[in-house]
Amino acid sequence: MFGRTAPVVLEIGIGLGESFTTMAAAEPSVDVIGADVHTPGIASSLARIESLGLQNARLVHGDALVFMRRLGPASLVGLRIFFPDPWPKVRHRHRRIVSEANLDRFVSLLSPGGTLHVATDIDEYVRQVQRTCSGRADLVGGVIDRPDWRPATRYETKGLAAGRMSTDLMYRRV
Protein backbone atom coordinates (compact mmCIF):
# COMPACT_ATOMS: atom_id res chain seq x y z
CA MET A 1 0.00 0.00 0.00
CA PHE A 2 2.88 2.38 0.71
CA GLY A 3 5.52 0.96 -1.62
CA ARG A 4 7.93 0.32 1.23
CA THR A 5 8.35 -1.67 4.40
CA ALA A 6 7.75 0.42 7.51
CA PRO A 7 5.81 0.20 10.77
CA VAL A 8 2.08 0.77 10.24
CA VAL A 9 -0.37 2.58 12.53
CA LEU A 10 -4.15 2.65 12.04
CA GLU A 11 -6.18 5.55 13.40
CA ILE A 12 -9.91 5.01 13.65
CA GLY A 13 -12.09 8.12 13.44
CA ILE A 14 -9.87 10.91 12.12
CA GLY A 15 -12.44 13.71 12.12
CA LEU A 16 -11.24 16.44 9.77
CA GLY A 17 -7.73 14.98 9.87
CA GLU A 18 -5.88 17.76 11.66
CA SER A 19 -4.23 15.61 14.33
CA PHE A 20 -3.94 12.62 11.98
CA THR A 21 -1.93 14.55 9.39
CA THR A 22 0.09 16.42 12.03
CA MET A 23 1.21 13.10 13.54
CA ALA A 24 1.92 11.63 10.09
CA ALA A 25 4.10 14.63 9.24
CA ALA A 26 5.95 14.27 12.57
CA GLU A 27 6.79 10.60 11.99
CA PRO A 28 7.72 10.11 8.31
CA SER A 29 9.31 6.71 9.03
CA VAL A 30 5.89 5.34 10.08
CA ASP A 31 3.09 4.60 7.63
CA VAL A 32 -0.30 5.74 8.91
CA ILE A 33 -3.78 4.78 7.78
CA GLY A 34 -6.73 6.91 8.82
CA ALA A 35 -10.24 5.52 8.66
CA ASP A 36 -13.48 7.48 8.87
CA VAL A 37 -17.02 7.20 7.54
CA HIS A 38 -17.67 10.92 7.09
CA THR A 39 -16.98 12.28 3.62
CA PRO A 40 -16.16 15.87 4.74
CA GLY A 41 -13.44 14.54 7.06
CA ILE A 42 -11.93 12.38 4.34
CA ALA A 43 -11.98 15.33 1.90
CA SER A 44 -10.34 17.62 4.45
CA SER A 45 -7.72 14.97 5.25
CA LEU A 46 -6.95 14.45 1.55
CA ALA A 47 -6.40 18.18 1.13
CA ARG A 48 -4.08 18.26 4.15
CA ILE A 49 -2.14 15.20 2.95
CA GLU A 50 -1.62 16.87 -0.42
CA SER A 51 -0.70 20.29 1.00
CA LEU A 52 1.82 18.73 3.40
CA GLY A 53 3.19 16.39 0.71
CA LEU A 54 2.75 13.35 2.94
CA GLN A 55 3.92 10.09 1.40
CA ASN A 56 3.26 8.03 4.54
CA ALA A 57 -0.48 8.64 4.93
CA ARG A 58 -3.40 6.74 3.40
CA LEU A 59 -7.14 6.99 4.01
CA VAL A 60 -10.02 4.56 4.24
CA HIS A 61 -13.42 6.08 3.54
CA GLY A 62 -15.67 3.63 5.33
CA ASP A 63 -16.13 1.45 8.35
CA ALA A 64 -12.78 0.74 10.00
CA LEU A 65 -14.04 -2.57 11.38
CA VAL A 66 -14.80 -3.77 7.86
CA PHE A 67 -11.41 -2.54 6.59
CA MET A 68 -9.62 -4.31 9.44
CA ARG A 69 -10.72 -7.68 8.00
CA ARG A 70 -8.24 -7.02 5.18
CA LEU A 71 -5.28 -6.63 7.53
CA GLY A 72 -3.04 -9.51 8.47
CA PRO A 73 -2.39 -10.66 12.02
CA ALA A 74 0.24 -8.65 13.91
CA SER A 75 0.45 -6.14 11.03
CA LEU A 76 0.13 -2.95 13.11
CA VAL A 77 2.52 -1.33 15.55
CA GLY A 78 -0.23 0.94 16.75
CA LEU A 79 -3.97 1.43 16.81
CA ARG A 80 -5.22 4.90 17.74
CA ILE A 81 -8.76 5.78 18.72
CA PHE A 82 -9.03 9.41 19.81
CA PHE A 83 -12.34 10.73 21.17
CA PRO A 84 -14.62 8.07 19.72
CA ASP A 85 -18.38 8.50 19.78
CA PRO A 86 -19.25 7.89 23.45
CA TRP A 87 -22.78 6.66 22.79
CA PRO A 88 -23.87 8.09 26.15
CA LYS A 89 -27.28 6.42 26.37
CA VAL A 90 -27.06 3.09 28.18
CA ARG A 91 -29.11 1.34 25.50
CA HIS A 92 -26.57 2.45 22.83
CA ARG A 93 -23.33 1.62 24.66
CA HIS A 94 -23.00 -1.68 22.81
CA ARG A 95 -22.08 0.48 19.77
CA ARG A 96 -18.89 1.80 21.38
CA ILE A 97 -15.83 0.94 19.30
CA VAL A 98 -13.75 -0.14 22.30
CA SER A 99 -15.70 -3.17 23.42
CA GLU A 100 -15.00 -6.77 24.28
CA ALA A 101 -16.42 -7.75 20.90
CA ASN A 102 -13.86 -5.59 19.05
CA LEU A 103 -10.89 -5.95 21.39
CA ASP A 104 -9.99 -9.47 20.19
CA ARG A 105 -9.73 -8.12 16.65
CA PHE A 106 -7.69 -5.10 17.77
CA VAL A 107 -5.20 -7.18 19.74
CA SER A 108 -4.81 -9.75 16.95
CA LEU A 109 -3.76 -6.96 14.58
CA LEU A 110 -1.12 -5.59 16.94
CA SER A 111 2.41 -6.91 16.64
CA PRO A 112 4.09 -7.89 19.93
CA GLY A 113 4.89 -4.60 21.64
CA GLY A 114 2.27 -2.81 19.54
CA THR A 115 0.04 -0.31 21.29
CA LEU A 116 -3.64 0.50 21.57
CA HIS A 117 -3.99 4.20 22.39
CA VAL A 118 -7.40 5.54 23.36
CA ALA A 119 -8.21 9.11 24.38
CA THR A 120 -11.60 10.26 25.62
CA ASP A 121 -13.15 12.95 27.79
CA ILE A 122 -16.02 10.75 28.97
CA ASP A 123 -15.23 9.29 32.41
CA GLU A 124 -17.58 6.33 32.00
CA TYR A 125 -15.88 5.45 28.71
CA VAL A 126 -12.50 5.53 30.49
CA ARG A 127 -13.83 3.01 33.00
CA GLN A 128 -15.21 0.82 30.21
CA VAL A 129 -11.85 0.79 28.39
CA GLN A 130 -10.10 -0.07 31.65
CA ARG A 131 -12.54 -2.91 32.39
CA THR A 132 -12.31 -4.24 28.85
CA CYS A 133 -8.52 -4.14 28.60
CA SER A 134 -7.38 -4.90 32.15
CA GLY A 135 -8.72 -8.45 32.21
CA ARG A 136 -6.52 -9.56 29.32
CA ALA A 137 -3.24 -11.39 29.82
CA ASP A 138 -2.00 -10.18 26.42
CA LEU A 139 -2.28 -6.45 27.27
CA VAL A 140 -0.51 -4.30 29.85
CA GLY A 141 -1.05 -0.65 30.52
CA GLY A 142 -3.67 1.83 31.59
CA VAL A 143 -4.04 5.58 32.08
CA ILE A 144 -1.01 7.61 31.00
CA ASP A 145 -0.12 11.29 31.00
CA ARG A 146 -1.21 12.99 27.81
CA PRO A 147 1.70 12.51 25.37
CA ASP A 148 3.27 15.71 24.07
CA TRP A 149 3.29 14.23 20.56
CA ARG A 150 -0.51 13.83 20.42
CA PRO A 151 -2.05 17.03 19.04
CA ALA A 152 -5.35 18.18 20.48
CA THR A 153 -8.33 17.15 18.40
CA ARG A 154 -11.36 19.31 17.66
CA TYR A 155 -13.45 17.11 19.97
CA GLU A 156 -10.91 17.39 22.75
CA THR A 157 -10.84 21.18 22.45
CA LYS A 158 -14.65 21.32 22.61
CA GLY A 159 -14.66 19.02 25.64
CA LEU A 160 -12.10 21.14 27.47
CA ALA A 161 -14.18 24.25 26.73
CA ALA A 162 -17.19 22.44 28.23
CA GLY A 163 -15.18 21.61 31.38
CA ARG A 164 -14.37 17.95 30.62
CA MET A 165 -10.87 16.60 31.16
CA SER A 166 -9.31 14.22 28.66
CA THR A 167 -7.81 10.90 29.62
CA ASP A 168 -5.28 8.94 27.57
CA LEU A 169 -5.04 5.18 27.95
CA MET A 170 -2.23 3.13 26.42
CA TYR A 171 -2.11 -0.65 26.32
CA ARG A 172 0.79 -2.68 24.92
CA ARG A 173 0.47 -6.16 23.49
CA VAL A 174 2.74 -8.62 25.29
C-alpha atoms as a PDB file:
ATOM      1  CA  MET A   1       0.000   0.000   0.000  1.00  0.00           C
ATOM      2  CA  PHE A   2       2.882   2.381   0.708  1.00  0.00           C
ATOM      3  CA  GLY A   3       5.520   0.955  -1.617  1.00  0.00           C
ATOM      4  CA  ARG A   4       7.933   0.319   1.232  1.00  0.00           C
ATOM      5  CA  THR A   5       8.349  -1.670   4.400  1.00  0.00           C
ATOM      6  CA  ALA A   6       7.751   0.425   7.515  1.00  0.00           C
ATOM      7  CA  PRO A   7       5.805   0.198  10.771  1.00  0.00           C
ATOM      8  CA  VAL A   8       2.078   0.772  10.236  1.00  0.00           C
ATOM      9  CA  VAL A   9      -0.370   2.578  12.526  1.00  0.00           C
ATOM     10  CA  LEU A  10      -4.146   2.647  12.040  1.00  0.00           C
ATOM     11  CA  GLU A  11      -6.178   5.551  13.398  1.00  0.00           C
ATOM     12  CA  ILE A  12      -9.913   5.013  13.654  1.00  0.00           C
ATOM     13  CA  GLY A  13     -12.087   8.119  13.435  1.00  0.00           C
ATOM     14  CA  ILE A  14      -9.867  10.911  12.123  1.00  0.00           C
ATOM     15  CA  GLY A  15     -12.438  13.711  12.122  1.00  0.00           C
ATOM     16  CA  LEU A  16     -11.238  16.443   9.775  1.00  0.00           C
ATOM     17  CA  GLY A  17      -7.734  14.976   9.873  1.00  0.00           C
ATOM     18  CA  GLU A  18      -5.875  17.756  11.663  1.00  0.00           C
ATOM     19  CA  SER A  19      -4.232  15.612  14.332  1.00  0.00           C
ATOM     20  CA  PHE A  20      -3.939  12.616  11.981  1.00  0.00           C
ATOM     21  CA  THR A  21      -1.927  14.550   9.393  1.00  0.00           C
ATOM     22  CA  THR A  22       0.093  16.415  12.033  1.00  0.00           C
ATOM     23  CA  MET A  23       1.210  13.102  13.544  1.00  0.00           C
ATOM     24  CA  ALA A  24       1.915  11.634  10.086  1.00  0.00           C
ATOM     25  CA  ALA A  25       4.099  14.626   9.245  1.00  0.00           C
ATOM     26  CA  ALA A  26       5.948  14.274  12.566  1.00  0.00           C
ATOM     27  CA  GLU A  27       6.791  10.598  11.992  1.00  0.00           C
ATOM     28  CA  PRO A  28       7.724  10.109   8.314  1.00  0.00           C
ATOM     29  CA  SER A  29       9.310   6.709   9.029  1.00  0.00           C
ATOM     30  CA  VAL A  30       5.887   5.343  10.084  1.00  0.00           C
ATOM     31  CA  ASP A  31       3.092   4.603   7.628  1.00  0.00           C
ATOM     32  CA  VAL A  32      -0.304   5.738   8.906  1.00  0.00           C
ATOM     33  CA  ILE A  33      -3.779   4.777   7.778  1.00  0.00           C
ATOM     34  CA  GLY A  34      -6.730   6.908   8.819  1.00  0.00           C
ATOM     35  CA  ALA A  35     -10.243   5.525   8.665  1.00  0.00           C
ATOM     36  CA  ASP A  36     -13.483   7.476   8.875  1.00  0.00           C
ATOM     37  CA  VAL A  37     -17.023   7.202   7.538  1.00  0.00           C
ATOM     38  CA  HIS A  38     -17.666  10.916   7.088  1.00  0.00           C
ATOM     39  CA  THR A  39     -16.975  12.279   3.621  1.00  0.00           C
ATOM     40  CA  PRO A  40     -16.158  15.867   4.738  1.00  0.00           C
ATOM     41  CA  GLY A  41     -13.439  14.536   7.056  1.00  0.00           C
ATOM     42  CA  ILE A  42     -11.931  12.379   4.335  1.00  0.00           C
ATOM     43  CA  ALA A  43     -11.979  15.326   1.899  1.00  0.00           C
ATOM     44  CA  SER A  44     -10.343  17.619   4.454  1.00  0.00           C
ATOM     45  CA  SER A  45      -7.719  14.967   5.246  1.00  0.00           C
ATOM     46  CA  LEU A  46      -6.949  14.447   1.552  1.00  0.00           C
ATOM     47  CA  ALA A  47      -6.397  18.183   1.128  1.00  0.00           C
ATOM     48  CA  ARG A  48      -4.084  18.255   4.153  1.00  0.00           C
ATOM     49  CA  ILE A  49      -2.140  15.198   2.948  1.00  0.00           C
ATOM     50  CA  GLU A  50      -1.624  16.874  -0.422  1.00  0.00           C
ATOM     51  CA  SER A  51      -0.696  20.290   0.998  1.00  0.00           C
ATOM     52  CA  LEU A  52       1.818  18.726   3.400  1.00  0.00           C
ATOM     53  CA  GLY A  53       3.187  16.394   0.712  1.00  0.00           C
ATOM     54  CA  LEU A  54       2.748  13.349   2.940  1.00  0.00           C
ATOM     55  CA  GLN A  55       3.923  10.086   1.396  1.00  0.00           C
ATOM     56  CA  ASN A  56       3.259   8.026   4.539  1.00  0.00           C
ATOM     57  CA  ALA A  57      -0.483   8.636   4.926  1.00  0.00           C
ATOM     58  CA  ARG A  58      -3.396   6.741   3.398  1.00  0.00           C
ATOM     59  CA  LEU A  59      -7.141   6.993   4.011  1.00  0.00           C
ATOM     60  CA  VAL A  60     -10.018   4.563   4.241  1.00  0.00           C
ATOM     61  CA  HIS A  61     -13.417   6.080   3.543  1.00  0.00           C
ATOM     62  CA  GLY A  62     -15.672   3.631   5.330  1.00  0.00           C
ATOM     63  CA  ASP A  63     -16.128   1.447   8.354  1.00  0.00           C
ATOM     64  CA  ALA A  64     -12.776   0.739  10.004  1.00  0.00           C
ATOM     65  CA  LEU A  65     -14.045  -2.572  11.382  1.00  0.00           C
ATOM     66  CA  VAL A  66     -14.798  -3.773   7.856  1.00  0.00           C
ATOM     67  CA  PHE A  67     -11.413  -2.535   6.592  1.00  0.00           C
ATOM     68  CA  MET A  68      -9.616  -4.315   9.438  1.00  0.00           C
ATOM     69  CA  ARG A  69     -10.722  -7.679   8.003  1.00  0.00           C
ATOM     70  CA  ARG A  70      -8.240  -7.021   5.183  1.00  0.00           C
ATOM     71  CA  LEU A  71      -5.276  -6.625   7.530  1.00  0.00           C
ATOM     72  CA  GLY A  72      -3.041  -9.509   8.469  1.00  0.00           C
ATOM     73  CA  PRO A  73      -2.391 -10.662  12.020  1.00  0.00           C
ATOM     74  CA  ALA A  74       0.239  -8.650  13.907  1.00  0.00           C
ATOM     75  CA  SER A  75       0.445  -6.142  11.028  1.00  0.00           C
ATOM     76  CA  LEU A  76       0.127  -2.947  13.106  1.00  0.00           C
ATOM     77  CA  VAL A  77       2.523  -1.327  15.550  1.00  0.00           C
ATOM     78  CA  GLY A  78      -0.235   0.942  16.748  1.00  0.00           C
ATOM     79  CA  LEU A  79      -3.967   1.434  16.812  1.00  0.00           C
ATOM     80  CA  ARG A  80      -5.220   4.904  17.745  1.00  0.00           C
ATOM     81  CA  ILE A  81      -8.764   5.780  18.724  1.00  0.00           C
ATOM     82  CA  PHE A  82      -9.032   9.408  19.806  1.00  0.00           C
ATOM     83  CA  PHE A  83     -12.342  10.731  21.169  1.00  0.00           C
ATOM     84  CA  PRO A  84     -14.621   8.068  19.724  1.00  0.00           C
ATOM     85  CA  ASP A  85     -18.375   8.498  19.778  1.00  0.00           C
ATOM     86  CA  PRO A  86     -19.248   7.888  23.448  1.00  0.00           C
ATOM     87  CA  TRP A  87     -22.783   6.660  22.788  1.00  0.00           C
ATOM     88  CA  PRO A  88     -23.872   8.092  26.148  1.00  0.00           C
ATOM     89  CA  LYS A  89     -27.278   6.425  26.372  1.00  0.00           C
ATOM     90  CA  VAL A  90     -27.057   3.088  28.176  1.00  0.00           C
ATOM     91  CA  ARG A  91     -29.112   1.344  25.498  1.00  0.00           C
ATOM     92  CA  HIS A  92     -26.569   2.445  22.833  1.00  0.00           C
ATOM     93  CA  ARG A  93     -23.327   1.619  24.660  1.00  0.00           C
ATOM     94  CA  HIS A  94     -22.997  -1.677  22.810  1.00  0.00           C
ATOM     95  CA  ARG A  95     -22.080   0.481  19.774  1.00  0.00           C
ATOM     96  CA  ARG A  96     -18.895   1.796  21.376  1.00  0.00           C
ATOM     97  CA  ILE A  97     -15.829   0.945  19.305  1.00  0.00           C
ATOM     98  CA  VAL A  98     -13.747  -0.142  22.298  1.00  0.00           C
ATOM     99  CA  SER A  99     -15.703  -3.166  23.425  1.00  0.00           C
ATOM    100  CA  GLU A 100     -14.998  -6.767  24.282  1.00  0.00           C
ATOM    101  CA  ALA A 101     -16.420  -7.749  20.896  1.00  0.00           C
ATOM    102  CA  ASN A 102     -13.862  -5.588  19.053  1.00  0.00           C
ATOM    103  CA  LEU A 103     -10.895  -5.951  21.387  1.00  0.00           C
ATOM    104  CA  ASP A 104      -9.989  -9.470  20.193  1.00  0.00           C
ATOM    105  CA  ARG A 105      -9.729  -8.122  16.651  1.00  0.00           C
ATOM    106  CA  PHE A 106      -7.694  -5.102  17.766  1.00  0.00           C
ATOM    107  CA  VAL A 107      -5.204  -7.180  19.735  1.00  0.00           C
ATOM    108  CA  SER A 108      -4.811  -9.754  16.953  1.00  0.00           C
ATOM    109  CA  LEU A 109      -3.758  -6.964  14.576  1.00  0.00           C
ATOM    110  CA  LEU A 110      -1.115  -5.590  16.941  1.00  0.00           C
ATOM    111  CA  SER A 111       2.405  -6.913  16.639  1.00  0.00           C
ATOM    112  CA  PRO A 112       4.091  -7.889  19.926  1.00  0.00           C
ATOM    113  CA  GLY A 113       4.892  -4.596  21.639  1.00  0.00           C
ATOM    114  CA  GLY A 114       2.265  -2.811  19.541  1.00  0.00           C
ATOM    115  CA  THR A 115       0.038  -0.309  21.293  1.00  0.00           C
ATOM    116  CA  LEU A 116      -3.643   0.495  21.572  1.00  0.00           C
ATOM    117  CA  HIS A 117      -3.987   4.203  22.393  1.00  0.00           C
ATOM    118  CA  VAL A 118      -7.404   5.537  23.357  1.00  0.00           C
ATOM    119  CA  ALA A 119      -8.206   9.106  24.381  1.00  0.00           C
ATOM    120  CA  THR A 120     -11.595  10.260  25.624  1.00  0.00           C
ATOM    121  CA  ASP A 121     -13.153  12.945  27.786  1.00  0.00           C
ATOM    122  CA  ILE A 122     -16.018  10.748  28.966  1.00  0.00           C
ATOM    123  CA  ASP A 123     -15.230   9.287  32.413  1.00  0.00           C
ATOM    124  CA  GLU A 124     -17.583   6.326  31.998  1.00  0.00           C
ATOM    125  CA  TYR A 125     -15.880   5.450  28.714  1.00  0.00           C
ATOM    126  CA  VAL A 126     -12.504   5.527  30.490  1.00  0.00           C
ATOM    127  CA  ARG A 127     -13.834   3.008  33.005  1.00  0.00           C
ATOM    128  CA  GLN A 128     -15.212   0.822  30.209  1.00  0.00           C
ATOM    129  CA  VAL A 129     -11.848   0.793  28.388  1.00  0.00           C
ATOM    130  CA  GLN A 130     -10.099  -0.067  31.652  1.00  0.00           C
ATOM    131  CA  ARG A 131     -12.535  -2.911  32.392  1.00  0.00           C
ATOM    132  CA  THR A 132     -12.315  -4.237  28.849  1.00  0.00           C
ATOM    133  CA  CYS A 133      -8.517  -4.137  28.603  1.00  0.00           C
ATOM    134  CA  SER A 134      -7.377  -4.903  32.148  1.00  0.00           C
ATOM    135  CA  GLY A 135      -8.716  -8.451  32.213  1.00  0.00           C
ATOM    136  CA  ARG A 136      -6.522  -9.564  29.320  1.00  0.00           C
ATOM    137  CA  ALA A 137      -3.239 -11.394  29.822  1.00  0.00           C
ATOM    138  CA  ASP A 138      -2.002 -10.178  26.417  1.00  0.00           C
ATOM    139  CA  LEU A 139      -2.282  -6.447  27.270  1.00  0.00           C
ATOM    140  CA  VAL A 140      -0.514  -4.304  29.847  1.00  0.00           C
ATOM    141  CA  GLY A 141      -1.054  -0.649  30.523  1.00  0.00           C
ATOM    142  CA  GLY A 142      -3.672   1.835  31.587  1.00  0.00           C
ATOM    143  CA  VAL A 143      -4.035   5.581  32.084  1.00  0.00           C
ATOM    144  CA  ILE A 144      -1.012   7.610  31.000  1.00  0.00           C
ATOM    145  CA  ASP A 145      -0.120  11.288  30.998  1.00  0.00           C
ATOM    146  CA  ARG A 146      -1.205  12.987  27.809  1.00  0.00           C
ATOM    147  CA  PRO A 147       1.697  12.507  25.374  1.00  0.00           C
ATOM    148  CA  ASP A 148       3.266  15.711  24.068  1.00  0.00           C
ATOM    149  CA  TRP A 149       3.293  14.227  20.563  1.00  0.00           C
ATOM    150  CA  ARG A 150      -0.509  13.830  20.425  1.00  0.00           C
ATOM    151  CA  PRO A 151      -2.047  17.034  19.037  1.00  0.00           C
ATOM    152  CA  ALA A 152      -5.348  18.176  20.482  1.00  0.00           C
ATOM    153  CA  THR A 153      -8.327  17.146  18.399  1.00  0.00           C
ATOM    154  CA  ARG A 154     -11.360  19.312  17.663  1.00  0.00           C
ATOM    155  CA  TYR A 155     -13.448  17.108  19.972  1.00  0.00           C
ATOM    156  CA  GLU A 156     -10.906  17.388  22.750  1.00  0.00           C
ATOM    157  CA  THR A 157     -10.843  21.181  22.453  1.00  0.00           C
ATOM    158  CA  LYS A 158     -14.649  21.322  22.612  1.00  0.00           C
ATOM    159  CA  GLY A 159     -14.660  19.023  25.641  1.00  0.00           C
ATOM    160  CA  LEU A 160     -12.102  21.138  27.469  1.00  0.00           C
ATOM    161  CA  ALA A 161     -14.177  24.246  26.734  1.00  0.00           C
ATOM    162  CA  ALA A 162     -17.187  22.440  28.232  1.00  0.00           C
ATOM    163  CA  GLY A 163     -15.179  21.606  31.375  1.00  0.00           C
ATOM    164  CA  ARG A 164     -14.367  17.954  30.623  1.00  0.00           C
ATOM    165  CA  MET A 165     -10.869  16.599  31.162  1.00  0.00           C
ATOM    166  CA  SER A 166      -9.310  14.220  28.656  1.00  0.00           C
ATOM    167  CA  THR A 167      -7.805  10.898  29.615  1.00  0.00           C
ATOM    168  CA  ASP A 168      -5.283   8.941  27.574  1.00  0.00           C
ATOM    169  CA  LEU A 169      -5.041   5.177  27.950  1.00  0.00           C
ATOM    170  CA  MET A 170      -2.227   3.134  26.422  1.00  0.00           C
ATOM    171  CA  TYR A 171      -2.107  -0.655  26.316  1.00  0.00           C
ATOM    172  CA  ARG A 172       0.792  -2.675  24.922  1.00  0.00           C
ATOM    173  CA  ARG A 173       0.468  -6.164  23.490  1.00  0.00           C
ATOM    174  CA  VAL A 174       2.739  -8.622  25.290  1.00  0.00           C
END
